[in-house]
Amino acid sequence: AGRRSQERVEAATAQAEEAEARLEAAQMQLRAAREELAHGRQEIDAGQAEVRLLRVELEGARSYATLATRLEQKLADAERSWLQRDEQHRKAVAELSGKLQQ
């Protein structure tokens, strides 16, 4: 009976040691999974920050595009105005030349 009791104690001890080893392995896997999750979260945060930066850059580009469109319109208006004044000036010169020749 003493021998059987000793064998059961040894078997229980071996099972406890095996369970402890499995627990340690599971804890290591859990730590690795948590580290991977933290790394994934950092990558997500970095990606979100990049998206926010790109949105700001896009908004800036849109502002420049709007400004460029306005400047193009002002330039076109100025060119039309200059051409009208140039035409008026030419007509006035032609009239004056005609009067002087008479």
C-alpha atoms as a PDB file:
ATOM      1  CA  ALA A   1       0.000   0.000   0.000  1.00  0.00           C
ATOM      2  CA  GLY A   2       2.870   2.304   0.804  1.00  0.00           C
ATOM      3  CA  ARG A   3       4.419   1.638  -2.571  1.00  0.00           C
ATOM      4  CA  ARG A   4       1.165   2.349  -4.421  1.00  0.00           C
ATOM      5  CA  SER A   5       0.739   5.508  -2.437  1.00  0.00           C
ATOM      6  CA  GLN A   6       4.279   6.544  -3.333  1.00  0.00           C
ATOM      7  CA  GLU A   7       3.614   5.784  -7.043  1.00  0.00           C
ATOM      8  CA  ARG A   8       0.429   7.863  -6.956  1.00  0.00           C
ATOM      9  CA  VAL A   9       2.298  10.748  -5.336  1.00  0.00           C
ATOM     10  CA  GLU A  10       5.016  10.518  -7.980  1.00  0.00           C
ATOM     11  CA  ALA A  11       2.426  10.350 -10.787  1.00  0.00           C
ATOM     12  CA  ALA A  12       0.537  13.303  -9.325  1.00  0.00           C
ATOM     13  CA  THR A  13       3.800  15.213  -8.969  1.00  0.00           C
ATOM     14  CA  ALA A  14       4.702  14.447 -12.599  1.00  0.00           C
ATOM     15  CA  GLN A  15       1.235  15.560 -13.730  1.00  0.00           C
ATOM     16  CA  ALA A  16       1.529  18.751 -11.682  1.00  0.00           C
ATOM     17  CA  GLU A  17       4.958  19.480 -13.184  1.00  0.00           C
ATOM     18  CA  GLU A  18       3.603  18.829 -16.693  1.00  0.00           C
ATOM     19  CA  ALA A  19       0.621  21.087 -16.008  1.00  0.00           C
ATOM     20  CA  GLU A  20       2.964  23.774 -14.678  1.00  0.00           C
ATOM     21  CA  ALA A  21       5.112  23.497 -17.823  1.00  0.00           C
ATOM     22  CA  ARG A  22       1.973  23.798 -20.016  1.00  0.00           C
ATOM     23  CA  LEU A  23       0.876  26.807 -17.968  1.00  0.00           C
ATOM     24  CA  GLU A  24       4.266  28.486 -18.444  1.00  0.00           C
ATOM     25  CA  ALA A  25       4.112  27.785 -22.188  1.00  0.00           C
ATOM     26  CA  ALA A  26       0.582  29.216 -22.348  1.00  0.00           C
ATOM     27  CA  GLN A  27       1.697  32.301 -20.413  1.00  0.00           C
ATOM     28  CA  MET A  28       4.587  32.805 -22.847  1.00  0.00           C
ATOM     29  CA  GLN A  29       2.177  32.514 -25.766  1.00  0.00           C
ATOM     30  CA  LEU A  30      -0.141  34.994 -24.086  1.00  0.00           C
ATOM     31  CA  ARG A  31       2.715  37.474 -23.582  1.00  0.00           C
ATOM     32  CA  ALA A  32       3.744  37.075 -27.229  1.00  0.00           C
ATOM     33  CA  ALA A  33       0.143  37.610 -28.357  1.00  0.00           C
ATOM     34  CA  ARG A  34      -0.142  40.732 -26.183  1.00  0.00           C
ATOM     35  CA  GLU A  35       3.113  42.097 -27.626  1.00  0.00           C
ATOM     36  CA  GLU A  36       1.862  41.385 -31.141  1.00  0.00           C
ATOM     37  CA  LEU A  37      -1.418  43.111 -30.322  1.00  0.00           C
ATOM     38  CA  ALA A  38       0.419  46.149 -28.922  1.00  0.00           C
ATOM     39  CA  HIS A  39       2.580  46.275 -32.060  1.00  0.00           C
ATOM     40  CA  GLY A  40      -0.530  46.024 -34.230  1.00  0.00           C
ATOM     41  CA  ARG A  41      -2.143  48.867 -32.316  1.00  0.00           C
ATOM     42  CA  GLN A  42       0.989  50.987 -32.820  1.00  0.00           C
ATOM     43  CA  GLU A  43       0.846  50.293 -36.545  1.00  0.00           C
ATOM     44  CA  ILE A  44      -2.840  51.241 -36.616  1.00  0.00           C
ATOM     45  CA  ASP A  45      -2.107  54.458 -34.709  1.00  0.00           C
ATOM     46  CA  ALA A  46       0.722  55.276 -37.107  1.00  0.00           C
ATOM     47  CA  GLY A  47      -1.543  54.565 -40.072  1.00  0.00           C
ATOM     48  CA  GLN A  48      -4.269  56.799 -38.662  1.00  0.00           C
ATOM     49  CA  ALA A  49      -1.758  59.593 -38.077  1.00  0.00           C
ATOM     50  CA  GLU A  50      -0.550  59.234 -41.670  1.00  0.00           C
ATOM     51  CA  VAL A  51      -4.128  59.418 -42.954  1.00  0.00           C
ATOM     52  CA  ARG A  52      -4.745  62.589 -40.901  1.00  0.00           C
ATOM     53  CA  LEU A  53      -1.553  64.141 -42.281  1.00  0.00           C
ATOM     54  CA  LEU A  54      -2.526  63.247 -45.840  1.00  0.00           C
ATOM     55  CA  ARG A  55      -5.954  64.813 -45.299  1.00  0.00           C
ATOM     56  CA  VAL A  56      -4.307  68.027 -44.113  1.00  0.00           C
ATOM     57  CA  GLU A  57      -1.970  67.975 -47.122  1.00  0.00           C
ATOM     58  CA  LEU A  58      -4.927  67.337 -49.437  1.00  0.00           C
ATOM     59  CA  GLU A  59      -6.838  70.249 -47.928  1.00  0.00           C
ATOM     60  CA  GLY A  60      -3.781  72.449 -48.440  1.00  0.00           C
ATOM     61  CA  ALA A  61      -3.504  71.307 -52.040  1.00  0.00           C
ATOM     62  CA  ARG A  62      -7.181  72.091 -52.579  1.00  0.00           C
ATOM     63  CA  SER A  63      -6.629  75.569 -51.139  1.00  0.00           C
ATOM     64  CA  TYR A  64      -3.711  76.119 -53.513  1.00  0.00           C
ATOM     65  CA  ALA A  65      -5.825  74.861 -56.417  1.00  0.00           C
ATOM     66  CA  THR A  66      -8.602  77.286 -55.476  1.00  0.00           C
ATOM     67  CA  LEU A  67      -6.082  80.110 -55.208  1.00  0.00           C
ATOM     68  CA  ALA A  68      -4.560  79.167 -58.569  1.00  0.00           C
ATOM     69  CA  THR A  69      -8.012  79.200 -60.174  1.00  0.00           C
ATOM     70  CA  ARG A  70      -8.716  82.651 -58.740  1.00  0.00           C
ATOM     71  CA  LEU A  71      -5.348  83.948 -59.935  1.00  0.00           C
ATOM     72  CA  GLU A  72      -5.954  82.524 -63.410  1.00  0.00           C
ATOM     73  CA  GLN A  73      -9.305  84.341 -63.507  1.00  0.00           C
ATOM     74  CA  LYS A  74      -7.698  87.593 -62.347  1.00  0.00           C
ATOM     75  CA  LEU A  75      -5.001  87.179 -64.997  1.00  0.00           C
ATOM     76  CA  ALA A  76      -7.603  86.557 -67.709  1.00  0.00           C
ATOM     77  CA  ASP A  77      -9.564  89.628 -66.533  1.00  0.00           C
ATOM     78  CA  ALA A  78      -6.406  91.750 -66.521  1.00  0.00           C
ATOM     79  CA  GLU A  79      -5.467  90.552 -70.019  1.00  0.00           C
ATOM     80  CA  ARG A  80      -8.954  91.403 -71.349  1.00  0.00           C
ATOM     81  CA  SER A  81      -8.815  94.801 -69.711  1.00  0.00           C
ATOM     82  CA  TRP A  82      -5.350  95.474 -71.119  1.00  0.00           C
ATOM     83  CA  LEU A  83      -6.437  94.401 -74.608  1.00  0.00           C
ATOM     84  CA  GLN A  84      -9.461  96.721 -74.417  1.00  0.00           C
ATOM     85  CA  ARG A  85      -7.305  99.648 -73.311  1.00  0.00           C
ATOM     86  CA  ASP A  86      -4.738  98.842 -75.992  1.00  0.00           C
ATOM     87  CA  GLU A  87      -7.495  98.782 -78.637  1.00  0.00           C
ATOM     88  CA  GLN A  88      -8.897 102.095 -77.344  1.00  0.00           C
ATOM     89  CA  HIS A  89      -5.422 103.597 -77.382  1.00  0.00           C
ATOM     90  CA  ARG A  90      -4.820 102.430 -80.969  1.00  0.00           C
ATOM     91  CA  LYS A  91      -8.158 103.913 -82.062  1.00  0.00           C
ATOM     92  CA  ALA A  92      -7.351 107.205 -80.369  1.00  0.00           C
ATOM     93  CA  VAL A  93      -3.920 107.311 -82.020  1.00  0.00           C
ATOM     94  CA  ALA A  94      -5.455 106.491 -85.413  1.00  0.00           C
ATOM     95  CA  GLU A  95      -8.067 109.259 -84.957  1.00  0.00           C
ATOM     96  CA  LEU A  96      -5.455 111.760 -83.915  1.00  0.00           C
ATOM     97  CA  SER A  97      -3.239 110.782 -86.850  1.00  0.00           C
ATOM     98  CA  GLY A  98      -6.170 111.193 -89.208  1.00  0.00           C
ATOM     99  CA  LYS A  99      -6.960 114.651 -87.824  1.00  0.00           C
ATOM    100  CA  LEU A 100      -3.367 115.746 -88.030  1.00  0.00           C
ATOM    101  CA  GLN A 101      -3.119 114.690 -91.664  1.00  0.00           C
ATOM    102  CA  GLN A 102      -6.155 116.757 -92.682  1.00  0.00           C
END
